[in-house]
């Protein structure tokens, strides 16, 4: 993307290799000066080159004083002085050189990059357009169906919201509100997944599906357990806020942030203490809002997922988790790579879209089904059936594209 000759590391290595000879030349000129023989910068530079080239014991220069021959003996003390200065340079001087070279080099390279960036960006955009066309040619049907599913799902959320607002009173106001919010978030995350798929980032799409799967598990869990657990879920925000406040207070000095006001801190801590006292010590855990419903002191997400009836997706969830965390599997395995390869994927790919595409459709419809349970009208039932059909078609389209890709790859081997 930018052009420059040579390697800055090689230049630095070359300069460092000269340091012992420069120090030795300085020590010798200091001894000559002590003997009343001044040595100028030019002569000292010539002496440095003489020592570096191993040109012999004698060195000639005009001292301007008519001296014809002077003998300089390098003693053990002189050698110790050279070693001492070399040690000092290696601990203090190297970093200064690196900083100086690094600053100058980075400025030159950045200037070159800015000068050539317009053409480089145009080239990248043309390349990306071609990639998108090829990707859409392979995966377009599945991605388009997923977009259709998202559109219908958003309309379904609006339908349920309108239906609930028409009711003068509902038995589960908190549950309805939470499920509507979860559904809206599920739609947003699905949109993010579609964007990633359309750009060729299958591993990123799978990572975002992990969030969508968690939303589906929580929505199904709350639908099953009802209003009281939904209230606990909402109240648990105080636990998360208390943890956020604690983390902020511990990190703010290093970040240069201001301290929260005493009133804010006191209000957050008071609310947290009140709810833990109300629901019990188990409430003060990560999934403490589900503790009572599950009969567990310290429930985990896997317990919520199992209760929600979607534990059969745990293998996919683990696969998606590799793309969220910096564990070895996430580094060594990529959906965007076909087969066993040592290639390093540093950008988009035309492979691996099937799992995140199918999973996104399934999870979004699961959230919609949970929401539909609080407004079971004929209209919502019909739309849910439409969603189920579109989900099935979406999964089939992604699967067929994946099979075609696998067959093409096998033929090329």
Protein backbone atom coordinates (compact mmCIF):
# COMPACT_ATOMS: atom_id res chain seq x y z
CA UNK A 1 0.00 0.00 0.00
CA UNK A 2 2.97 2.30 0.57
CA UNK A 3 6.48 2.01 -0.80
CA UNK A 4 9.80 2.48 0.97
CA UNK A 5 13.22 1.02 0.42
CA UNK A 6 14.90 -1.36 2.83
CA UNK A 7 13.94 -2.34 6.35
CA UNK A 8 13.99 0.05 9.26
CA UNK A 9 14.96 -2.82 11.52
CA UNK A 10 18.01 -3.49 9.33
CA UNK A 11 18.94 0.19 9.46
CA UNK A 12 18.64 0.13 13.24
CA UNK A 13 20.71 -3.05 13.49
CA UNK A 14 23.39 -1.44 11.31
CA UNK A 15 23.50 1.65 13.50
CA UNK A 16 23.72 -0.40 16.69
CA UNK A 17 26.61 -2.43 15.26
CA UNK A 18 28.58 0.85 14.92
CA UNK A 19 28.10 1.86 18.56
CA UNK A 20 31.11 0.01 20.11
CA UNK A 21 33.48 1.55 17.54
CA UNK A 22 32.06 5.03 18.09
CA UNK A 23 32.48 4.71 21.85
CA UNK A 24 36.05 3.46 21.40
CA UNK A 25 36.84 6.38 19.09
CA UNK A 26 35.46 8.80 21.68
CA UNK A 27 37.57 7.29 24.48
CA UNK A 28 40.73 7.50 22.33
CA UNK A 29 40.08 11.14 21.39
CA UNK A 30 39.53 11.96 25.05
CA UNK A 31 42.94 10.44 25.88
CA UNK A 32 44.53 12.46 23.09
CA UNK A 33 42.85 15.63 24.36
CA UNK A 34 44.24 14.89 27.84
CA UNK A 35 47.69 14.70 26.17
CA UNK A 36 47.15 18.13 24.64
CA UNK A 37 46.27 16.86 21.17
CA UNK A 38 42.83 18.12 20.09
CA UNK A 39 40.77 15.95 17.71
CA UNK A 40 38.00 17.53 15.68
CA UNK A 41 34.70 15.96 14.66
CA UNK A 42 35.96 15.07 11.19
CA UNK A 43 39.10 13.36 12.55
CA UNK A 44 37.04 11.49 15.16
CA UNK A 45 34.73 10.24 12.41
CA UNK A 46 37.78 9.10 10.44
CA UNK A 47 39.09 7.33 13.54
CA UNK A 48 35.75 5.57 13.97
CA UNK A 49 35.92 4.29 10.38
CA UNK A 50 39.55 3.25 10.88
CA UNK A 51 38.60 1.15 13.94
CA UNK A 52 35.55 -0.33 12.27
CA UNK A 53 37.50 -1.32 9.15
CA UNK A 54 40.22 -2.89 11.33
CA UNK A 55 42.76 -0.91 9.29
CA UNK A 56 45.72 -1.50 11.63
CA UNK A 57 47.26 0.02 14.73
CA UNK A 58 48.44 3.33 13.20
CA UNK A 59 46.11 6.20 12.37
CA UNK A 60 47.19 9.41 10.66
CA UNK A 61 45.66 12.87 10.85
CA UNK A 62 46.77 16.47 10.99
CA UNK A 63 46.42 17.82 14.52
CA UNK A 64 47.41 21.31 13.38
CA UNK A 65 50.25 21.38 15.93
CA UNK A 66 53.04 19.74 13.95
CA UNK A 67 53.11 16.49 15.95
CA UNK A 68 54.47 13.67 13.82
CA UNK A 69 53.93 10.62 16.03
CA UNK A 70 52.03 10.01 19.24
CA UNK A 71 51.54 6.67 20.92
CA UNK A 72 48.29 5.93 22.74
CA UNK A 73 48.04 2.83 24.91
CA UNK A 74 44.60 1.33 25.60
CA UNK A 75 44.70 0.20 29.20
CA UNK A 76 42.41 -2.11 31.17
CA UNK A 77 40.83 1.00 32.66
CA UNK A 78 40.09 2.30 29.17
CA UNK A 79 38.47 -1.00 28.20
CA UNK A 80 36.40 -0.89 31.38
CA UNK A 81 35.36 2.65 30.48
CA UNK A 82 34.30 1.52 26.99
CA UNK A 83 32.31 -1.39 28.46
CA UNK A 84 30.66 0.90 30.98
CA UNK A 85 29.60 3.40 28.34
CA UNK A 86 28.38 0.56 26.13
CA UNK A 87 26.27 -0.81 29.00
CA UNK A 88 24.83 2.63 29.64
CA UNK A 89 24.02 3.05 25.98
CA UNK A 90 22.28 -0.34 25.80
CA UNK A 91 20.05 0.51 28.77
CA UNK A 92 19.41 4.18 28.02
CA UNK A 93 20.54 5.10 24.54
CA UNK A 94 18.90 2.34 22.50
CA UNK A 95 15.39 3.34 23.49
CA UNK A 96 16.11 6.95 22.48
CA UNK A 97 17.35 5.80 19.05
CA UNK A 98 14.36 3.51 18.60
CA UNK A 99 11.97 6.32 19.52
CA UNK A 100 13.69 8.74 17.17
CA UNK A 101 13.84 6.31 14.24
CA UNK A 102 10.30 5.11 14.96
CA UNK A 103 8.87 8.63 14.99
CA UNK A 104 10.60 9.66 11.79
CA UNK A 105 9.78 6.42 9.98
CA UNK A 106 6.13 6.44 11.03
CA UNK A 107 5.74 10.02 9.84
CA UNK A 108 7.24 9.18 6.45
CA UNK A 109 5.14 6.06 6.01
CA UNK A 110 1.95 7.79 7.14
CA UNK A 111 2.60 10.63 4.72
CA UNK A 112 3.07 8.11 1.92
CA UNK A 113 -0.12 6.32 2.93
CA UNK A 114 -2.16 9.52 2.93
CA UNK A 115 -0.80 10.50 -0.45
CA UNK A 116 -1.72 7.17 -2.02
CA UNK A 117 -4.87 6.43 -0.01
CA UNK A 118 -7.42 7.77 -2.49
CA UNK A 119 -6.27 5.37 -5.22
CA UNK A 120 -5.88 2.52 -2.75
CA UNK A 121 -9.38 3.08 -1.36
CA UNK A 122 -10.84 3.14 -4.86
CA UNK A 123 -9.10 -0.14 -5.64
CA UNK A 124 -10.40 -1.73 -2.44
CA UNK A 125 -13.96 -0.56 -3.13
CA UNK A 126 -13.90 -2.04 -6.62
CA UNK A 127 -12.49 -5.27 -5.25
CA UNK A 128 -15.13 -5.39 -2.50
CA UNK A 129 -17.94 -4.75 -5.02
CA UNK A 130 -16.76 -7.71 -7.08
CA UNK A 131 -16.56 -9.86 -3.96
CA UNK A 132 -20.10 -8.90 -2.92
CA UNK A 133 -21.43 -9.80 -6.37
CA UNK A 134 -19.81 -13.25 -6.19
CA UNK A 135 -21.01 -13.77 -2.63
CA UNK A 136 -24.57 -12.79 -3.51
CA UNK A 137 -24.48 -15.12 -6.46
CA UNK A 138 -23.84 -18.00 -4.09
CA UNK A 139 -25.63 -17.02 -0.86
CA UNK A 140 -28.01 -14.33 -2.06
CA UNK A 141 -31.20 -16.41 -1.87
CA UNK A 142 -30.61 -17.34 1.76
CA UNK A 143 -29.60 -13.81 2.77
CA UNK A 144 -32.60 -12.29 0.96
CA UNK A 145 -34.97 -14.74 2.67
CA UNK A 146 -33.41 -13.87 6.03
CA UNK A 147 -34.06 -10.19 5.27
CA UNK A 148 -37.68 -11.06 4.45
CA UNK A 149 -37.95 -12.97 7.71
CA UNK A 150 -36.59 -9.96 9.60
CA UNK A 151 -39.07 -7.63 7.90
CA UNK A 152 -42.03 -9.86 8.76
CA UNK A 153 -40.71 -10.24 12.32
CA UNK A 154 -40.58 -6.49 12.80
CA UNK A 155 -44.12 -6.17 11.53
CA UNK A 156 -45.11 -8.97 13.87
CA UNK A 157 -43.60 -7.10 16.82
CA UNK A 158 -45.58 -4.01 15.84
CA UNK A 159 -48.74 -6.13 15.53
CA UNK A 160 -48.31 -7.61 19.01
CA UNK A 161 -47.50 -4.21 20.49
CA UNK A 162 -50.65 -2.71 18.94
CA UNK A 163 -52.74 -5.66 20.12
CA UNK A 164 -51.50 -5.33 23.68
CA UNK A 165 -52.07 -1.58 23.77
CA UNK A 166 -55.69 -2.10 22.75
CA UNK A 167 -56.22 -4.23 25.83
CA UNK A 168 -57.39 -2.11 28.73
CA UNK A 169 -55.61 -4.35 31.22
CA UNK A 170 -53.29 -7.32 30.96
CA UNK A 171 -52.48 -9.93 33.58
CA UNK A 172 -48.76 -9.78 32.79
CA UNK A 173 -47.72 -6.19 32.01
CA UNK A 174 -44.07 -6.68 32.96
CA UNK A 175 -43.78 -9.92 30.98
CA UNK A 176 -45.33 -8.30 27.90
CA UNK A 177 -43.02 -5.30 28.11
CA UNK A 178 -39.89 -7.44 28.55
CA UNK A 179 -40.79 -9.76 25.67
CA UNK A 180 -41.44 -6.79 23.39
CA UNK A 181 -38.04 -5.37 24.28
CA UNK A 182 -36.31 -8.69 23.80
CA UNK A 183 -38.01 -9.09 20.43
CA UNK A 184 -36.89 -5.63 19.32
CA UNK A 185 -33.33 -6.42 20.33
CA UNK A 186 -33.51 -9.76 18.53
CA UNK A 187 -34.53 -7.95 15.34
CA UNK A 188 -31.63 -5.54 15.70
CA UNK A 189 -29.10 -8.33 16.25
CA UNK A 190 -30.50 -10.25 13.28
CA UNK A 191 -29.98 -7.14 11.15
CA UNK A 192 -26.38 -7.04 12.30
CA UNK A 193 -25.98 -10.71 11.36
CA UNK A 194 -27.37 -10.01 7.88
CA UNK A 195 -24.90 -7.16 7.41
CA UNK A 196 -22.02 -9.43 8.38
CA UNK A 197 -23.22 -12.24 6.10
CA UNK A 198 -23.66 -9.88 3.15
CA UNK A 199 -20.08 -8.66 3.62
CA UNK A 200 -18.60 -12.16 3.93
CA UNK A 201 -17.92 -12.27 7.68
CA UNK A 202 -19.37 -15.65 8.61
CA UNK A 203 -17.37 -15.98 11.84
CA UNK A 204 -18.53 -12.55 12.98
CA UNK A 205 -22.12 -13.45 12.07
CA UNK A 206 -21.82 -16.63 14.13
CA UNK A 207 -20.52 -14.63 17.08
CA UNK A 208 -23.51 -12.27 16.88
CA UNK A 209 -25.85 -15.27 16.64
CA UNK A 210 -24.53 -16.28 20.06
CA UNK A 211 -26.20 -13.15 21.45
CA UNK A 212 -29.38 -13.87 19.50
CA UNK A 213 -29.47 -17.40 20.91
CA UNK A 214 -29.17 -16.02 24.45
CA UNK A 215 -32.05 -13.62 23.77
CA UNK A 216 -34.16 -16.54 22.50
CA UNK A 217 -33.37 -18.64 25.58
CA UNK A 218 -34.29 -15.83 27.97
CA UNK A 219 -37.50 -14.98 26.05
CA UNK A 220 -38.66 -18.61 26.03
CA UNK A 221 -37.72 -19.00 29.70
CA UNK A 222 -39.70 -15.92 30.73
CA UNK A 223 -42.71 -16.94 28.64
CA UNK A 224 -42.71 -20.26 30.49
CA UNK A 225 -42.31 -18.87 34.03
CA UNK A 226 -44.45 -15.76 33.73
CA UNK A 227 -44.89 -12.41 35.39
CA UNK A 228 -43.08 -12.88 38.68
CA UNK A 229 -39.87 -14.10 37.05
CA UNK A 230 -40.13 -11.31 34.48
CA UNK A 231 -40.23 -8.83 37.37
CA UNK A 232 -37.12 -10.43 38.86
CA UNK A 233 -35.45 -10.16 35.46
CA UNK A 234 -36.19 -6.42 35.33
CA UNK A 235 -35.13 -5.87 38.94
CA UNK A 236 -31.84 -7.68 38.31
CA UNK A 237 -30.70 -4.60 36.42
CA UNK A 238 -29.85 -3.18 39.84
CA UNK A 239 -27.34 -6.00 40.42
CA UNK A 240 -25.69 -5.35 37.08
CA UNK A 241 -25.64 -1.60 37.74
CA UNK A 242 -23.96 -2.12 41.11
CA UNK A 243 -21.25 -4.22 39.44
CA UNK A 244 -20.81 -1.63 36.71
CA UNK A 245 -20.43 1.13 39.31
CA UNK A 246 -17.84 -0.92 41.19
CA UNK A 247 -15.84 -1.60 38.01
CA UNK A 248 -16.04 2.07 37.01
CA UNK A 249 -14.81 3.20 40.42
CA UNK A 250 -11.87 0.77 40.30
CA UNK A 251 -10.79 1.80 36.78
CA UNK A 252 -11.65 5.51 36.59
CA UNK A 253 -8.28 6.84 37.81
CA UNK A 254 -6.30 4.94 35.15
CA UNK A 255 -8.78 6.10 32.51
CA UNK A 256 -8.73 9.69 33.70
CA UNK A 257 -12.48 9.72 34.39
CA UNK A 258 -14.21 11.72 37.10
CA UNK A 259 -15.55 10.10 40.22
CA UNK A 260 -19.28 9.46 40.37
CA UNK A 261 -21.18 11.68 42.74
CA UNK A 262 -21.87 10.44 46.24
CA UNK A 263 -25.59 10.66 45.52
CA UNK A 264 -25.31 8.42 42.45
CA UNK A 265 -23.18 5.88 44.28
CA UNK A 266 -25.48 5.84 47.29
CA UNK A 267 -28.63 5.44 45.17
CA UNK A 268 -27.15 2.53 43.17
CA UNK A 269 -25.90 0.73 46.27
CA UNK A 270 -29.15 1.31 48.17
CA UNK A 271 -31.28 -0.08 45.33
CA UNK A 272 -28.97 -3.10 45.04
CA UNK A 273 -29.13 -3.82 48.77
CA UNK A 274 -32.92 -3.49 48.85
CA UNK A 275 -33.44 -6.02 46.05
CA UNK A 276 -30.93 -8.53 47.43
CA UNK A 277 -32.74 -8.27 50.77
CA UNK A 278 -36.08 -8.77 48.99
CA UNK A 279 -35.13 -11.75 46.82
CA UNK A 280 -32.31 -13.33 48.80
CA UNK A 281 -28.54 -13.70 48.47
CA UNK A 282 -28.84 -15.92 45.37
CA UNK A 283 -30.28 -12.94 43.50
CA UNK A 284 -26.85 -11.31 43.65
CA UNK A 285 -25.37 -13.68 41.04
CA UNK A 286 -25.01 -13.35 37.27
CA UNK A 287 -28.29 -15.16 36.54
CA UNK A 288 -29.72 -14.68 40.01
CA UNK A 289 -33.06 -13.57 38.59
CA UNK A 290 -33.64 -17.20 37.49
CA UNK A 291 -32.45 -18.84 40.73
CA UNK A 292 -35.85 -19.24 42.37
CA UNK A 293 -37.59 -20.50 39.21
CA UNK A 294 -34.89 -23.11 38.62
CA UNK A 295 -34.41 -24.01 42.27
CA UNK A 296 -30.66 -23.38 41.96
CA UNK A 297 -28.43 -21.20 44.10
CA UNK A 298 -26.12 -20.23 41.25
CA UNK A 299 -27.82 -20.89 37.90
CA UNK A 300 -25.86 -20.67 34.66
CA UNK A 301 -26.96 -19.84 31.16
CA UNK A 302 -26.94 -23.53 30.25
CA UNK A 303 -29.63 -24.10 32.91
CA UNK A 304 -31.82 -21.37 31.42
CA UNK A 305 -31.29 -22.72 27.90
CA UNK A 306 -32.18 -26.25 28.98
CA UNK A 307 -35.34 -25.07 30.73
CA UNK A 308 -36.24 -23.08 27.61
CA UNK A 309 -36.12 -26.27 25.55
CA UNK A 310 -33.35 -25.27 23.14
CA UNK A 311 -30.43 -27.12 24.72
CA UNK A 312 -29.97 -29.02 21.45
CA UNK A 313 -28.22 -25.86 20.15
CA UNK A 314 -25.43 -26.03 22.74
CA UNK A 315 -22.86 -27.35 20.22
CA UNK A 316 -23.58 -24.43 17.91
CA UNK A 317 -23.40 -22.08 20.89
CA UNK A 318 -19.98 -23.41 21.83
CA UNK A 319 -18.83 -22.99 18.23
CA UNK A 320 -20.09 -19.41 18.25
CA UNK A 321 -18.33 -18.75 21.56
CA UNK A 322 -14.96 -19.50 19.97
CA UNK A 323 -15.44 -16.39 17.83
CA UNK A 324 -16.22 -14.24 20.87
CA UNK A 325 -13.33 -15.22 23.15
CA UNK A 326 -9.59 -15.31 22.46
CA UNK A 327 -9.32 -19.04 23.04
CA UNK A 328 -7.18 -21.35 20.85
CA UNK A 329 -10.16 -22.81 18.97
CA UNK A 330 -11.24 -19.37 17.84
CA UNK A 331 -7.74 -18.73 16.52
CA UNK A 332 -7.22 -22.10 14.83
CA UNK A 333 -10.72 -22.74 13.43
CA UNK A 334 -12.61 -20.46 11.05
CA UNK A 335 -16.00 -20.96 9.42
CA UNK A 336 -14.77 -18.79 6.57
CA UNK A 337 -12.10 -21.33 5.57
CA UNK A 338 -12.86 -24.50 3.66
CA UNK A 339 -11.28 -27.74 4.81
CA UNK A 340 -7.92 -28.25 6.48
CA UNK A 341 -5.74 -25.30 5.55
CA UNK A 342 -2.92 -23.24 7.02
CA UNK A 343 -4.27 -20.04 5.48
CA UNK A 344 -4.77 -17.09 7.84
CA UNK A 345 -8.12 -15.40 7.30
CA UNK A 346 -7.72 -11.65 7.86
CA UNK A 347 -10.81 -10.44 6.01
CA UNK A 348 -14.07 -11.58 4.40
CA UNK A 349 -14.66 -14.98 2.86
CA UNK A 350 -17.21 -16.61 0.54
CA UNK A 351 -17.60 -19.63 2.81
CA UNK A 352 -19.20 -20.61 6.12
CA UNK A 353 -22.51 -18.72 5.80
CA UNK A 354 -24.81 -21.69 6.33
CA UNK A 355 -24.67 -22.12 10.12
CA UNK A 356 -25.04 -18.45 11.13
CA UNK A 357 -27.69 -17.87 8.45
CA UNK A 358 -29.85 -20.84 9.45
CA UNK A 359 -29.35 -20.27 13.17
CA UNK A 360 -30.30 -16.60 12.92
CA UNK A 361 -33.60 -17.46 11.25
CA UNK A 362 -34.42 -20.14 13.80
CA UNK A 363 -33.57 -18.02 16.86
CA UNK A 364 -35.42 -14.95 15.63
CA UNK A 365 -38.56 -17.04 15.09
CA UNK A 366 -38.16 -18.55 18.57
CA UNK A 367 -38.22 -15.06 20.06
CA UNK A 368 -41.27 -14.21 17.95
CA UNK A 369 -43.06 -17.32 19.17
CA UNK A 370 -42.37 -16.35 22.78
CA UNK A 371 -43.79 -12.89 22.13
CA UNK A 372 -46.82 -14.29 20.30
CA UNK A 373 -47.79 -16.29 23.38
CA UNK A 374 -48.81 -13.10 25.22
CA UNK A 375 -51.12 -12.01 22.39
CA UNK A 376 -52.68 -15.18 20.95
CA UNK A 377 -55.02 -13.72 18.35
CA UNK A 378 -55.83 -15.16 14.93
CA UNK A 379 -53.68 -12.48 13.30
CA UNK A 380 -50.61 -13.30 15.39
CA UNK A 381 -51.11 -17.04 14.86
CA UNK A 382 -51.21 -16.55 11.08
CA UNK A 383 -48.07 -14.40 11.08
CA UNK A 384 -46.24 -16.94 13.25
CA UNK A 385 -47.06 -19.62 10.68
CA UNK A 386 -45.70 -17.37 7.96
CA UNK A 387 -42.52 -16.89 9.99
CA UNK A 388 -42.14 -20.64 10.42
CA UNK A 389 -42.46 -21.19 6.66
CA UNK A 390 -40.01 -18.44 5.77
CA UNK A 391 -37.58 -19.81 8.36
CA UNK A 392 -37.78 -23.26 6.76
CA UNK A 393 -37.18 -21.78 3.30
CA UNK A 394 -34.26 -19.74 4.64
CA UNK A 395 -32.61 -22.81 6.16
CA UNK A 396 -33.06 -24.77 2.93
CA UNK A 397 -31.54 -21.98 0.83
CA UNK A 398 -28.47 -21.70 3.04
CA UNK A 399 -28.06 -25.48 3.14
CA UNK A 400 -28.29 -25.86 -0.63
CA UNK A 401 -25.70 -23.12 -1.17
CA UNK A 402 -23.40 -24.82 1.31
CA UNK A 403 -23.72 -28.17 -0.46
CA UNK A 404 -22.93 -26.58 -3.83
CA UNK A 405 -19.86 -24.89 -2.40
CA UNK A 406 -18.64 -28.16 -0.88
CA UNK A 407 -19.09 -29.97 -4.21
CA UNK A 408 -17.19 -27.27 -6.10
CA UNK A 409 -14.37 -27.38 -3.59
CA UNK A 410 -14.16 -31.17 -3.86
CA UNK A 411 -13.95 -30.97 -7.67
CA UNK A 412 -11.05 -28.53 -7.46
CA UNK A 413 -9.00 -30.82 -5.22
